[in-house]
Amino acid sequence: MKKLRFLSLVLIIFILGGIIAACSKTDTQSPQPSQPSASKEPASETPTEGADESPDTEPGEIKMPLVDERIEFSVWIPGAPAATTRLKHEDDNIAIQAVEQLTNVHINRIRPGGTDGQEQFNLSVVSGDLPDSYITNPNFYIGGFDMYIEDEIIIDLSDYIDFFPNYQRIRMTNDDTRRRTITDTGKIPGLFEIKKTVQPSFVGLVTRGDLLDSLGVSKPETFEEYRELLIKFRDLGMKTPLLISNTGLEDGFMAGYGVGWSNYNGFFQEDGQVKFAPLEEGFKDYLMMMNQWYEERLIDQDFAGFVSSPFDYSPYASGEAGIWSTLYTVFTPIELAAAEVEGFRITTLTAPVKSKGDTRKLTIYNQSNTLISDGIETITTACENVEILLKYYDFFFTEEGSRYCDYGVEGVTYTMVDGKPVFTDLVMNDTEGYGSIYAIWGDYTYTGPKRLYDWERELLPTMSDETLNAGSVWDANFTGEYVLPDVSVSIEDSAEYSQIVSDATTFISETAPKFILGTIPFSEYDSFIQTLKDMRIDVAIAIKQAAFDRYMAR
């Protein structure tokens, strides 16, 4: 009966998502059961406040090997392995081999088929054939981690603190990190990936720097200045002055109106009150502006059918686009060299605001105000050697362990210079001809375990100043007052909340572009709002508010 509630919820989610796929399973066993430690999370620790406070990385002692006789664990990880075709199997990766030799722990990685990680995760859980551990996106746990603990799918790690001292110390560095790594009831659901320092926005707006120079104009700051630049691009004969996604909901332009979409499904908070962007005046103002720009032919006239990723460089290299959003590592010298326009140069833009000096209070495209990354590793009730697996995971929250994930193997892909890892020529000069640093990392670093993540490894000396400084430009006017952290909807509310939000999201994603295209006139906007209310979006907001209140009380 324990799993009945969870199975009912998952059934609803399956129906909502139209799930038809099947799950592939892998059987592995971990012998020698043992008893948990009796120590609890210390109530006396008082973490400091501020998400920007970097964690204390002084390493805790871990004796190697972790076990005298080789032990195996089954770990479920969605998605394809981060390796190129040069490796026949992930286990051929020298960083993985080095860690296994050091720890005497072998990981059997279960890679489910299919592209929908949420769907495959649900199917794995429902099957009852649990692995020892899941390494997933935290958002996969619909209904919150407490539900999965209560239904005996994953275990509360509060009784096992002695086995992950490094992670425990790091997660208690500041109040934001502490809150984000426990449940509403104070349980420790797993080990989250934690960054060494807060990473600024890594996706943002860019434009053609070469055209700014030829036009003799400065970077735009306000919506009107953006419009004036787009008009210049249009008058040059540019096919797509502004390239946007097929929903038309672009965080980079919405934030200046005090609303957002992609990071939080439209939810944000203002002075502790949870709000839903489409119900706010700023959302309508944004759509009206985009409709005007569309009618002025400043926006891609075929945007509703645009399916390419903003990380795909090809649509822009032809010179047909003037302003778009992209990942900062895309406009490196290698990619720029492939451009079809002579002198092609990308430059970053700060998200527009209504008036000069205004600030934006929401993050754009990704969360840039927390040390917590987007991954967690949980231990299931099927695991028979919990403490050994936790010691293994804790190793990656030490300086030595994290380097296997971020830098690879010392002497091969990096060397230590003045106490810091520095990539070798294999990485910096691609001496093996991989053609991409990400392909090199795929074959030479241990991708999988959550760790103390040194995201600054991405800042390579081969990058241009434009690339290296992208985050500071994108976040130049960011203050963050409206940001809503990841919060857990209660077990009782999960099914209702999921249904409402799923229906509302589909409706909004289908309707918003029609307002921009003009196929639905703004005289029908009140009907749009009423439909959301009929979908009981107010109930979803109240559920989110209760979840946020519980989060703040953690």
Protein backbone atom coordinates (compact mmCIF):
# COMPACT_ATOMS: atom_id res chain seq x y z
CA MET A 1 0.00 0.00 0.00
CA LYS A 2 2.97 2.31 0.54
CA LYS A 3 3.46 2.98 -3.16
CA LEU A 4 -0.23 3.24 -4.05
CA ARG A 5 -0.36 7.01 -3.72
CA PHE A 6 2.76 7.43 -5.85
CA LEU A 7 1.53 5.02 -8.51
CA SER A 8 -1.76 6.90 -8.75
CA LEU A 9 0.09 10.18 -9.21
CA VAL A 10 2.37 8.75 -11.87
CA LEU A 11 -0.65 7.31 -13.70
CA ILE A 12 -2.13 10.81 -13.87
CA ILE A 13 1.18 12.19 -15.14
CA PHE A 14 1.33 9.45 -17.78
CA ILE A 15 -2.15 10.36 -18.98
CA LEU A 16 -1.26 14.06 -19.08
CA GLY A 17 1.88 13.42 -21.07
CA GLY A 18 0.41 10.83 -23.45
CA ILE A 19 3.10 8.34 -22.54
CA ILE A 20 3.39 5.34 -24.82
CA ALA A 21 7.04 4.32 -24.48
CA ALA A 22 8.45 1.38 -22.58
CA CYS A 23 11.35 1.31 -20.15
CA SER A 24 14.57 -0.65 -20.58
CA LYS A 25 15.98 -2.13 -17.38
CA THR A 26 19.34 -3.41 -16.17
CA ASP A 27 19.76 -5.76 -13.23
CA THR A 28 22.71 -5.42 -10.87
CA GLN A 29 23.21 -6.35 -7.24
CA SER A 30 25.17 -4.80 -4.37
CA PRO A 31 25.99 -7.36 -1.65
CA GLN A 32 26.70 -7.14 2.08
CA PRO A 33 23.90 -5.18 3.84
CA SER A 34 24.85 -2.90 6.71
CA GLN A 35 23.29 -0.57 9.29
CA PRO A 36 23.02 3.24 9.01
CA SER A 37 24.85 5.67 11.24
CA ALA A 38 22.88 7.06 14.15
CA SER A 39 24.06 10.63 13.69
CA LYS A 40 21.53 13.24 12.58
CA GLU A 41 21.99 16.58 10.85
CA PRO A 42 23.45 18.83 13.57
CA ALA A 43 20.79 21.27 14.71
CA SER A 44 23.42 23.55 16.21
CA GLU A 45 24.94 24.58 12.87
CA THR A 46 23.94 28.08 11.84
CA PRO A 47 24.70 28.64 8.15
CA THR A 48 25.56 32.08 6.92
CA GLU A 49 23.20 33.83 4.56
CA GLY A 50 23.80 34.65 0.91
CA ALA A 51 23.79 32.38 -2.11
CA ASP A 52 26.96 34.03 -3.41
CA GLU A 53 29.10 32.75 -0.55
CA SER A 54 31.39 30.07 -1.94
CA PRO A 55 31.56 26.74 -0.12
CA ASP A 56 34.42 25.80 2.19
CA THR A 57 36.41 23.34 0.10
CA GLU A 58 38.86 22.16 2.74
CA PRO A 59 38.90 18.41 2.03
CA GLY A 60 37.71 15.83 4.52
CA GLU A 61 39.72 12.66 4.95
CA ILE A 62 38.62 9.71 2.82
CA LYS A 63 40.62 6.49 3.12
CA MET A 64 41.23 4.64 -0.12
CA PRO A 65 40.25 2.18 -1.31
CA LEU A 66 36.74 2.47 0.10
CA VAL A 67 36.44 -1.33 0.26
CA ASP A 68 39.02 -4.11 0.20
CA GLU A 69 37.08 -6.22 -2.31
CA ARG A 70 35.62 -4.70 -5.46
CA ILE A 71 31.96 -3.75 -5.10
CA GLU A 72 29.39 -2.82 -7.73
CA PHE A 73 26.42 -0.46 -7.75
CA SER A 74 23.69 0.10 -10.33
CA VAL A 75 23.09 3.78 -11.07
CA TRP A 76 20.30 5.04 -13.34
CA ILE A 77 21.29 8.06 -15.45
CA PRO A 78 19.07 9.49 -18.21
CA GLY A 79 20.50 10.49 -21.55
CA ALA A 80 23.32 9.24 -23.68
CA PRO A 81 26.81 8.94 -22.19
CA ALA A 82 29.08 11.95 -22.59
CA ALA A 83 31.55 10.18 -24.84
CA THR A 84 32.42 10.24 -28.52
CA THR A 85 32.52 7.28 -30.87
CA ARG A 86 36.22 6.91 -30.10
CA LEU A 87 35.28 5.03 -26.96
CA LYS A 88 33.50 1.72 -27.32
CA HIS A 89 32.07 2.06 -23.79
CA GLU A 90 32.00 4.61 -21.00
CA ASP A 91 34.21 2.31 -18.93
CA ASP A 92 37.02 2.96 -21.44
CA ASN A 93 37.23 6.53 -20.13
CA ILE A 94 40.55 6.84 -18.28
CA ALA A 95 39.07 9.11 -15.57
CA ILE A 96 36.43 6.50 -14.77
CA GLN A 97 39.11 3.79 -14.74
CA ALA A 98 41.30 5.87 -12.42
CA VAL A 99 38.46 6.44 -9.96
CA GLU A 100 37.56 2.76 -9.96
CA GLN A 101 41.16 1.74 -9.31
CA LEU A 102 41.38 4.27 -6.49
CA THR A 103 38.05 3.43 -4.80
CA ASN A 104 37.57 -0.24 -5.71
CA VAL A 105 33.98 0.69 -6.64
CA HIS A 106 32.50 -0.16 -10.03
CA ILE A 107 29.41 1.66 -11.30
CA ASN A 108 27.05 -0.11 -13.66
CA ARG A 109 25.42 2.83 -15.41
CA ILE A 110 21.87 2.20 -16.58
CA ARG A 111 21.10 4.32 -19.62
CA PRO A 112 17.35 4.12 -20.39
CA GLY A 113 16.16 4.31 -23.96
CA GLY A 114 14.05 7.21 -25.17
CA THR A 115 14.53 10.95 -25.11
CA ASP A 116 12.05 11.87 -22.37
CA GLY A 117 13.97 11.56 -19.11
CA GLN A 118 10.92 12.30 -16.95
CA GLU A 119 8.92 9.59 -18.66
CA GLN A 120 11.71 7.04 -18.35
CA PHE A 121 12.23 7.90 -14.70
CA ASN A 122 8.53 7.39 -13.94
CA LEU A 123 8.55 4.06 -15.74
CA SER A 124 11.64 2.93 -13.84
CA VAL A 125 10.07 3.77 -10.49
CA VAL A 126 6.72 2.18 -11.35
CA SER A 127 8.45 -1.02 -12.47
CA GLY A 128 9.57 -1.65 -8.87
CA ASP A 129 12.94 -2.83 -10.18
CA LEU A 130 14.90 -0.04 -8.54
CA PRO A 131 18.60 0.61 -9.10
CA ASP A 132 20.85 1.44 -6.16
CA SER A 133 20.77 5.10 -7.11
CA TYR A 134 19.21 7.63 -9.45
CA ILE A 135 21.22 10.52 -10.87
CA THR A 136 18.57 12.85 -12.24
CA ASN A 137 17.16 16.32 -12.56
CA PRO A 138 15.54 17.22 -9.20
CA ASN A 139 12.37 18.22 -11.07
CA PHE A 140 11.84 14.57 -11.98
CA TYR A 141 10.54 14.01 -8.44
CA ILE A 142 7.04 15.34 -9.08
CA GLY A 143 5.27 15.71 -5.75
CA GLY A 144 8.48 16.45 -3.90
CA PHE A 145 11.23 14.33 -2.37
CA ASP A 146 9.23 13.80 0.82
CA MET A 147 6.69 11.76 -1.12
CA TYR A 148 9.36 9.52 -2.61
CA ILE A 149 10.85 9.02 0.85
CA GLU A 150 7.49 8.27 2.48
CA ASP A 151 6.63 5.83 -0.29
CA GLU A 152 9.92 3.99 0.26
CA ILE A 153 11.44 4.70 -3.14
CA ILE A 154 14.42 6.75 -1.99
CA ILE A 155 15.84 7.04 1.52
CA ASP A 156 16.28 10.02 3.82
CA LEU A 157 20.03 10.50 4.21
CA SER A 158 19.76 12.37 7.52
CA ASP A 159 20.82 9.19 9.33
CA TYR A 160 23.94 8.85 7.16
CA ILE A 161 25.71 12.19 7.60
CA ASP A 162 28.89 10.51 8.85
CA PHE A 163 29.34 9.02 5.39
CA PHE A 164 29.30 12.29 3.42
CA PRO A 165 31.11 14.85 5.61
CA ASN A 166 32.46 16.84 2.65
CA TYR A 167 29.06 17.29 1.04
CA GLN A 168 27.47 18.05 4.40
CA ARG A 169 29.97 20.79 5.18
CA ILE A 170 29.67 22.34 1.73
CA ARG A 171 25.88 22.34 1.66
CA MET A 172 25.81 24.17 4.99
CA THR A 173 27.95 27.01 3.64
CA ASN A 174 25.06 29.47 3.36
CA ASP A 175 21.35 29.59 4.00
CA ASP A 176 20.33 29.44 0.35
CA THR A 177 22.33 26.26 -0.27
CA ARG A 178 21.12 24.70 2.99
CA ARG A 179 17.46 25.38 2.15
CA ARG A 180 17.74 24.05 -1.38
CA THR A 181 19.29 20.75 -0.25
CA ILE A 182 16.63 19.66 2.25
CA THR A 183 12.94 18.90 1.99
CA ASP A 184 10.05 20.76 3.60
CA THR A 185 10.23 18.33 6.53
CA GLY A 186 13.99 18.73 6.95
CA LYS A 187 15.07 15.50 5.28
CA ILE A 188 18.18 15.14 3.10
CA PRO A 189 16.91 13.52 -0.12
CA GLY A 190 20.25 13.13 -1.88
CA LEU A 191 23.43 14.87 -2.91
CA PHE A 192 22.90 17.90 -5.14
CA GLU A 193 25.58 19.22 -7.43
CA ILE A 194 27.03 22.39 -5.90
CA LYS A 195 29.10 24.97 -7.74
CA LYS A 196 32.27 26.40 -6.23
CA THR A 197 31.10 29.90 -7.12
CA VAL A 198 27.83 31.33 -8.41
CA GLN A 199 27.77 31.10 -12.19
CA PRO A 200 26.38 34.16 -13.97
CA SER A 201 23.91 33.85 -16.82
CA PHE A 202 25.36 31.59 -19.49
CA VAL A 203 22.60 32.26 -22.03
CA GLY A 204 21.70 35.75 -23.16
CA LEU A 205 21.10 38.19 -26.00
CA VAL A 206 23.74 38.86 -28.64
CA THR A 207 23.98 40.88 -31.84
CA ARG A 208 26.29 41.51 -34.78
CA GLY A 209 29.14 43.58 -33.41
CA ASP A 210 30.47 44.17 -36.91
CA LEU A 211 27.16 45.78 -37.91
CA LEU A 212 27.12 48.00 -34.83
CA ASP A 213 30.53 49.27 -35.90
CA SER A 214 29.51 49.86 -39.51
CA LEU A 215 26.31 51.62 -38.45
CA GLY A 216 28.13 53.70 -35.88
CA VAL A 217 25.66 52.87 -33.10
CA SER A 218 26.11 51.87 -29.47
CA LYS A 219 24.67 48.81 -27.79
CA PRO A 220 20.96 49.33 -27.04
CA GLU A 221 19.76 49.42 -23.43
CA THR A 222 16.04 50.18 -23.57
CA PHE A 223 13.20 48.61 -25.54
CA GLU A 224 12.99 51.66 -27.77
CA GLU A 225 16.73 51.55 -28.48
CA TYR A 226 16.40 47.86 -29.35
CA ARG A 227 13.54 48.72 -31.73
CA GLU A 228 15.60 51.44 -33.41
CA LEU A 229 18.47 49.01 -33.97
CA LEU A 230 16.13 46.35 -35.36
CA ILE A 231 14.71 48.90 -37.78
CA LYS A 232 18.24 49.59 -39.02
CA PHE A 233 18.81 45.86 -39.49
CA ARG A 234 15.53 45.55 -41.39
CA ASP A 235 16.39 48.48 -43.63
CA LEU A 236 19.71 46.81 -44.46
CA GLY A 237 17.64 44.01 -45.98
CA MET A 238 18.19 41.58 -43.13
CA LYS A 239 15.69 38.70 -43.30
CA THR A 240 15.46 38.19 -39.53
CA PRO A 241 16.30 41.29 -37.46
CA LEU A 242 15.15 39.50 -34.28
CA LEU A 243 15.06 35.73 -33.97
CA ILE A 244 12.80 34.33 -31.23
CA SER A 245 11.55 30.91 -30.17
CA ASN A 246 8.35 29.43 -31.59
CA THR A 247 6.36 30.29 -28.45
CA GLY A 248 7.39 33.92 -28.67
CA LEU A 249 8.12 33.93 -24.94
CA GLU A 250 11.67 35.25 -24.64
CA ASP A 251 12.99 35.79 -21.10
CA GLY A 252 15.56 38.27 -22.37
CA PHE A 253 12.79 40.66 -23.39
CA MET A 254 10.14 39.70 -20.84
CA ALA A 255 12.34 40.44 -17.80
CA GLY A 256 12.26 44.16 -18.50
CA TYR A 257 8.49 44.00 -18.03
CA GLY A 258 8.88 42.27 -14.66
CA VAL A 259 7.75 38.85 -15.89
CA GLY A 260 9.40 35.67 -17.13
CA TRP A 261 8.60 32.25 -18.49
CA SER A 262 11.22 29.57 -19.12
CA ASN A 263 12.89 29.34 -15.72
CA TYR A 264 9.80 28.90 -13.58
CA ASN A 265 6.89 28.12 -15.92
CA GLY A 266 5.79 31.69 -15.42
CA PHE A 267 5.83 31.70 -11.60
CA PHE A 268 7.75 34.32 -9.63
CA GLN A 269 7.40 36.10 -6.30
CA GLU A 270 7.18 39.71 -5.30
CA ASP A 271 7.68 40.59 -1.64
CA GLY A 272 6.88 36.99 -0.71
CA GLN A 273 3.69 36.79 -2.80
CA VAL A 274 3.72 34.19 -5.58
CA LYS A 275 2.49 35.46 -8.93
CA PHE A 276 1.89 33.98 -12.37
CA ALA A 277 3.31 35.99 -15.26
CA PRO A 278 0.41 35.70 -17.76
CA LEU A 279 -1.94 37.27 -15.21
CA GLU A 280 0.29 40.32 -14.81
CA GLU A 281 0.04 43.52 -16.87
CA GLY A 282 3.67 43.19 -17.90
CA PHE A 283 2.89 39.99 -19.80
CA LYS A 284 0.29 41.73 -21.95
CA ASP A 285 2.60 44.71 -22.46
CA TYR A 286 5.31 42.36 -23.66
CA LEU A 287 2.99 40.60 -26.14
CA MET A 288 1.73 43.93 -27.47
CA MET A 289 5.29 45.12 -28.06
CA MET A 290 6.21 41.91 -29.84
CA ASN A 291 3.05 42.16 -31.96
CA GLN A 292 4.06 45.69 -33.00
CA TRP A 293 7.58 44.53 -33.81
CA TYR A 294 6.18 41.62 -35.83
CA GLU A 295 3.93 43.93 -37.84
CA GLU A 296 6.96 46.18 -38.47
CA ARG A 297 8.80 43.11 -39.78
CA LEU A 298 11.41 43.34 -37.06
CA ILE A 299 10.81 39.74 -35.95
CA ASP A 300 11.31 36.57 -37.94
CA GLN A 301 8.05 36.32 -39.90
CA ASP A 302 8.21 32.53 -39.59
CA PHE A 303 9.12 32.39 -35.88
CA ALA A 304 6.13 30.20 -35.00
CA GLY A 305 7.68 27.40 -37.03
CA PHE A 306 11.26 27.90 -35.84
CA VAL A 307 12.47 24.70 -34.20
CA SER A 308 16.24 25.15 -34.09
CA SER A 309 17.94 25.37 -30.71
CA PRO A 310 19.50 28.69 -29.67
CA PHE A 311 22.66 26.64 -29.12
CA ASP A 312 22.72 25.69 -32.81
CA TYR A 313 25.09 28.13 -34.44
CA SER A 314 24.08 27.56 -38.06
CA PRO A 315 21.05 29.91 -38.36
CA TYR A 316 23.20 32.90 -37.43
CA ALA A 317 26.45 32.24 -39.24
CA SER A 318 24.76 33.09 -42.55
CA GLY A 319 24.29 36.66 -41.36
CA GLU A 320 20.50 36.54 -41.70
CA ALA A 321 19.80 37.25 -38.01
CA GLY A 322 20.49 40.50 -36.17
CA ILE A 323 19.67 39.79 -32.51
CA TRP A 324 19.11 36.39 -30.89
CA SER A 325 19.78 34.48 -27.67
CA THR A 326 22.55 31.94 -27.36
CA LEU A 327 24.99 30.11 -25.10
CA TYR A 328 28.17 32.03 -24.32
CA THR A 329 30.47 29.19 -25.37
CA VAL A 330 28.97 29.20 -28.87
CA PHE A 331 30.71 32.32 -30.14
CA THR A 332 34.29 31.09 -29.74
CA PRO A 333 36.95 31.69 -32.42
CA ILE A 334 36.31 28.24 -33.95
CA GLU A 335 32.62 28.97 -34.52
CA LEU A 336 33.25 32.52 -35.69
CA ALA A 337 35.70 31.23 -38.28
CA ALA A 338 32.86 29.20 -39.81
CA ALA A 339 30.71 32.28 -40.43
CA GLU A 340 29.70 32.98 -44.01
CA VAL A 341 30.03 36.78 -43.66
CA GLU A 342 33.40 38.47 -43.81
CA GLY A 343 34.23 40.30 -40.58
CA PHE A 344 31.35 38.59 -38.75
CA ARG A 345 31.59 39.37 -35.03
CA ILE A 346 29.21 38.62 -32.16
CA THR A 347 28.82 40.95 -29.21
CA THR A 348 26.73 40.52 -26.08
CA LEU A 349 23.75 42.68 -25.08
CA THR A 350 22.23 43.42 -21.68
CA ALA A 351 18.52 42.56 -21.47
CA PRO A 352 16.41 45.63 -22.35
CA VAL A 353 14.43 47.65 -19.79
CA LYS A 354 11.82 50.37 -20.14
CA SER A 355 14.05 53.29 -19.14
CA LYS A 356 17.78 53.76 -18.69
CA GLY A 357 18.79 52.89 -15.13
CA ASP A 358 15.96 50.38 -14.62
CA THR A 359 16.84 46.94 -13.31
CA ARG A 360 15.48 43.50 -14.07
CA LYS A 361 14.42 41.43 -11.09
CA LEU A 362 14.26 38.01 -12.72
CA THR A 363 16.94 35.74 -14.11
CA ILE A 364 16.95 35.08 -17.86
CA TYR A 365 17.04 31.61 -19.44
CA ASN A 366 18.85 30.03 -16.46
CA GLN A 367 19.14 30.61 -12.70
CA SER A 368 22.20 32.75 -12.01
CA ASN A 369 21.79 33.44 -8.32
CA THR A 370 22.52 30.14 -6.58
CA LEU A 371 25.33 27.65 -6.03
CA ILE A 372 22.98 24.73 -6.66
CA SER A 373 23.22 23.14 -10.08
CA ASP A 374 20.51 21.10 -11.79
CA GLY A 375 21.40 17.57 -10.68
CA ILE A 376 20.89 15.27 -7.70
CA GLU A 377 21.89 11.71 -6.85
CA THR A 378 19.49 9.83 -4.59
CA ILE A 379 19.87 6.44 -2.92
CA THR A 380 16.99 4.01 -3.29
CA THR A 381 15.58 1.54 -0.82
CA ALA A 382 17.05 -1.23 -2.97
CA CYS A 383 20.62 -0.25 -2.11
CA GLU A 384 22.22 -2.70 0.34
CA ASN A 385 25.48 -0.83 0.87
CA VAL A 386 24.28 2.72 1.43
CA GLU A 387 27.30 3.95 3.37
CA ILE A 388 29.84 2.75 0.77
CA LEU A 389 27.94 4.39 -2.08
CA LEU A 390 27.67 7.61 -0.06
CA LYS A 391 31.40 7.60 0.62
CA TYR A 392 31.94 7.14 -3.10
CA TYR A 393 29.66 10.08 -3.93
CA ASP A 394 31.22 12.19 -1.18
CA PHE A 395 34.65 11.75 -2.77
CA PHE A 396 33.53 14.00 -5.63
CA PHE A 397 32.94 16.81 -3.16
CA THR A 398 36.64 16.92 -2.38
CA GLU A 399 39.13 18.86 -4.48
CA GLU A 400 40.81 15.67 -5.66
CA GLY A 401 37.59 13.86 -6.51
CA SER A 402 35.95 16.78 -8.28
CA ARG A 403 38.96 17.17 -10.59
CA TYR A 404 38.27 13.75 -12.13
CA CYS A 405 34.89 15.15 -13.21
CA ASP A 406 36.00 18.64 -14.22
CA TYR A 407 39.56 18.16 -15.48
CA GLY A 408 40.19 14.45 -16.01
CA VAL A 409 43.42 12.70 -15.06
CA GLU A 410 46.46 14.62 -13.85
CA GLY A 411 49.35 14.41 -16.28
CA VAL A 412 47.03 13.63 -19.19
CA THR A 413 44.44 16.38 -19.51
CA TYR A 414 45.73 18.73 -16.80
CA THR A 415 48.69 19.54 -14.57
CA MET A 416 48.80 21.40 -11.27
CA VAL A 417 50.34 24.88 -11.50
CA ASP A 418 50.58 26.96 -8.32
CA GLY A 419 48.01 24.70 -6.71
CA LYS A 420 45.47 25.03 -9.53
CA PRO A 421 44.60 22.63 -12.39
CA VAL A 422 45.68 23.82 -15.84
CA PHE A 423 44.63 21.99 -19.01
CA THR A 424 47.35 20.37 -21.11
CA ASP A 425 47.87 20.74 -24.85
CA LEU A 426 45.55 17.79 -25.43
CA VAL A 427 42.69 20.04 -24.34
CA MET A 428 43.98 23.51 -25.17
CA ASN A 429 45.43 22.72 -28.60
CA ASP A 430 43.35 19.62 -29.45
CA THR A 431 46.46 17.55 -30.16
CA GLU A 432 44.32 14.46 -30.84
CA GLY A 433 42.09 16.20 -33.39
CA TYR A 434 38.74 15.96 -31.65
CA GLY A 435 37.54 19.24 -33.12
CA SER A 436 35.69 20.23 -29.93
CA ILE A 437 36.70 20.66 -26.34
CA TYR A 438 33.38 19.13 -25.28
CA ALA A 439 34.22 15.95 -27.16
CA ILE A 440 37.58 15.85 -25.37
CA TRP A 441 35.89 16.31 -22.01
CA GLY A 442 33.44 13.55 -22.93
CA ASP A 443 36.26 11.06 -23.41
CA TYR A 444 38.63 12.20 -20.68
CA THR A 445 36.54 13.43 -17.73
CA TYR A 446 34.17 11.47 -15.52
CA THR A 447 30.72 12.75 -16.44
CA GLY A 448 27.91 11.46 -14.24
CA PRO A 449 28.51 11.91 -10.51
CA LYS A 450 27.29 15.11 -8.94
CA ARG A 451 30.22 17.01 -7.54
CA LEU A 452 31.66 20.26 -6.30
CA TYR A 453 31.50 21.78 -9.76
CA ASP A 454 34.22 24.13 -10.94
CA TRP A 455 32.24 25.78 -13.74
CA GLU A 456 35.12 28.21 -14.31
CA ARG A 457 36.94 25.43 -16.16
CA GLU A 458 34.82 26.61 -19.11
CA LEU A 459 36.65 29.96 -19.14
CA LEU A 460 39.51 28.99 -21.42
CA PRO A 461 42.35 31.32 -22.36
CA THR A 462 41.59 30.58 -26.01
CA MET A 463 38.23 32.34 -25.64
CA SER A 464 37.76 35.94 -26.69
CA ASP A 465 37.21 38.67 -24.12
CA GLU A 466 33.65 38.93 -25.46
CA THR A 467 33.00 35.33 -24.49
CA LEU A 468 34.78 35.49 -21.15
CA ASN A 469 32.85 38.60 -20.12
CA ALA A 470 29.45 37.51 -21.47
CA GLY A 471 27.96 36.72 -18.07
CA SER A 472 28.84 40.10 -16.58
CA VAL A 473 27.23 41.89 -19.54
CA TRP A 474 24.09 39.76 -19.45
CA ASP A 475 23.70 40.29 -15.69
CA ALA A 476 24.68 43.97 -15.64
CA ASN A 477 21.16 45.12 -14.69
CA PHE A 478 20.09 42.03 -12.70
CA THR A 479 19.06 42.43 -9.06
CA GLY A 480 16.98 39.29 -8.44
CA GLU A 481 14.18 40.44 -6.12
CA TYR A 482 11.48 38.44 -7.94
CA VAL A 483 13.33 35.14 -8.24
CA LEU A 484 11.38 32.13 -7.00
CA PRO A 485 13.60 29.23 -5.89
CA ASP A 486 12.72 25.63 -6.66
CA VAL A 487 10.00 24.70 -4.18
CA SER A 488 8.24 21.41 -3.50
CA VAL A 489 4.52 21.08 -4.03
CA SER A 490 2.98 18.91 -1.31
CA ILE A 491 2.14 15.27 -1.85
CA GLU A 492 -1.56 15.97 -1.52
CA ASP A 493 -1.48 18.77 -4.10
CA SER A 494 0.82 17.18 -6.65
CA ALA A 495 -1.71 15.63 -9.00
CA GLU A 496 -4.01 18.65 -9.03
CA TYR A 497 -1.11 21.08 -9.49
CA SER A 498 0.43 19.04 -12.32
CA GLN A 499 -2.87 18.87 -14.19
CA ILE A 500 -3.56 22.60 -13.90
CA VAL A 501 -0.05 23.69 -14.85
CA SER A 502 0.17 21.22 -17.73
CA ASP A 503 -3.11 22.45 -19.21
CA ALA A 504 -2.23 26.10 -18.65
CA THR A 505 1.27 25.77 -20.11
CA THR A 506 -0.06 24.11 -23.26
CA PHE A 507 -2.74 26.77 -23.65
CA ILE A 508 -0.29 29.66 -23.13
CA SER A 509 2.36 28.21 -25.46
CA GLU A 510 -0.24 27.83 -28.19
CA THR A 511 -1.98 31.17 -27.64
CA ALA A 512 0.88 33.62 -26.95
CA PRO A 513 2.35 33.38 -30.48
CA LYS A 514 -1.11 34.01 -31.94
CA PHE A 515 -1.27 37.36 -30.13
CA ILE A 516 2.14 38.21 -31.56
CA LEU A 517 1.13 37.10 -35.06
CA GLY A 518 -2.12 39.05 -34.79
CA THR A 519 -4.32 36.03 -35.51
CA ILE A 520 -5.93 36.67 -32.12
CA PRO A 521 -6.68 40.38 -31.50
CA PHE A 522 -5.89 41.95 -28.14
CA SER A 523 -9.60 42.70 -27.76
CA GLU A 524 -9.80 39.01 -26.77
CA TYR A 525 -7.08 39.25 -24.12
CA ASP A 526 -9.62 39.31 -21.27
CA SER A 527 -10.98 36.04 -22.64
CA PHE A 528 -7.43 34.63 -22.55
CA ILE A 529 -7.16 35.56 -18.85
CA GLN A 530 -10.60 34.15 -18.13
CA THR A 531 -9.70 30.84 -19.72
CA LEU A 532 -6.67 30.59 -17.41
CA LYS A 533 -8.91 31.29 -14.43
CA ASP A 534 -11.39 28.68 -15.66
CA MET A 535 -8.46 26.27 -15.73
CA ARG A 536 -8.15 27.07 -12.00
CA ILE A 537 -4.75 28.72 -12.31
CA ASP A 538 -5.57 30.54 -9.06
CA VAL A 539 -5.51 27.16 -7.32
CA ALA A 540 -2.06 26.41 -8.76
CA ILE A 541 -0.82 29.81 -7.55
CA ALA A 542 -2.14 29.09 -4.05
CA ILE A 543 -0.42 25.69 -4.07
CA LYS A 544 2.83 27.32 -5.19
CA GLN A 545 2.45 29.97 -2.49
CA ALA A 546 2.08 27.32 0.20
CA ALA A 547 5.15 25.53 -1.16
CA PHE A 548 7.14 28.78 -1.12
CA ASP A 549 6.05 29.51 2.46
CA ARG A 550 7.22 26.05 3.53
CA TYR A 551 10.50 26.56 1.72
CA MET A 552 11.15 29.84 3.53
CA ALA A 553 10.41 28.11 6.83
CA ARG A 554 13.03 25.39 6.25
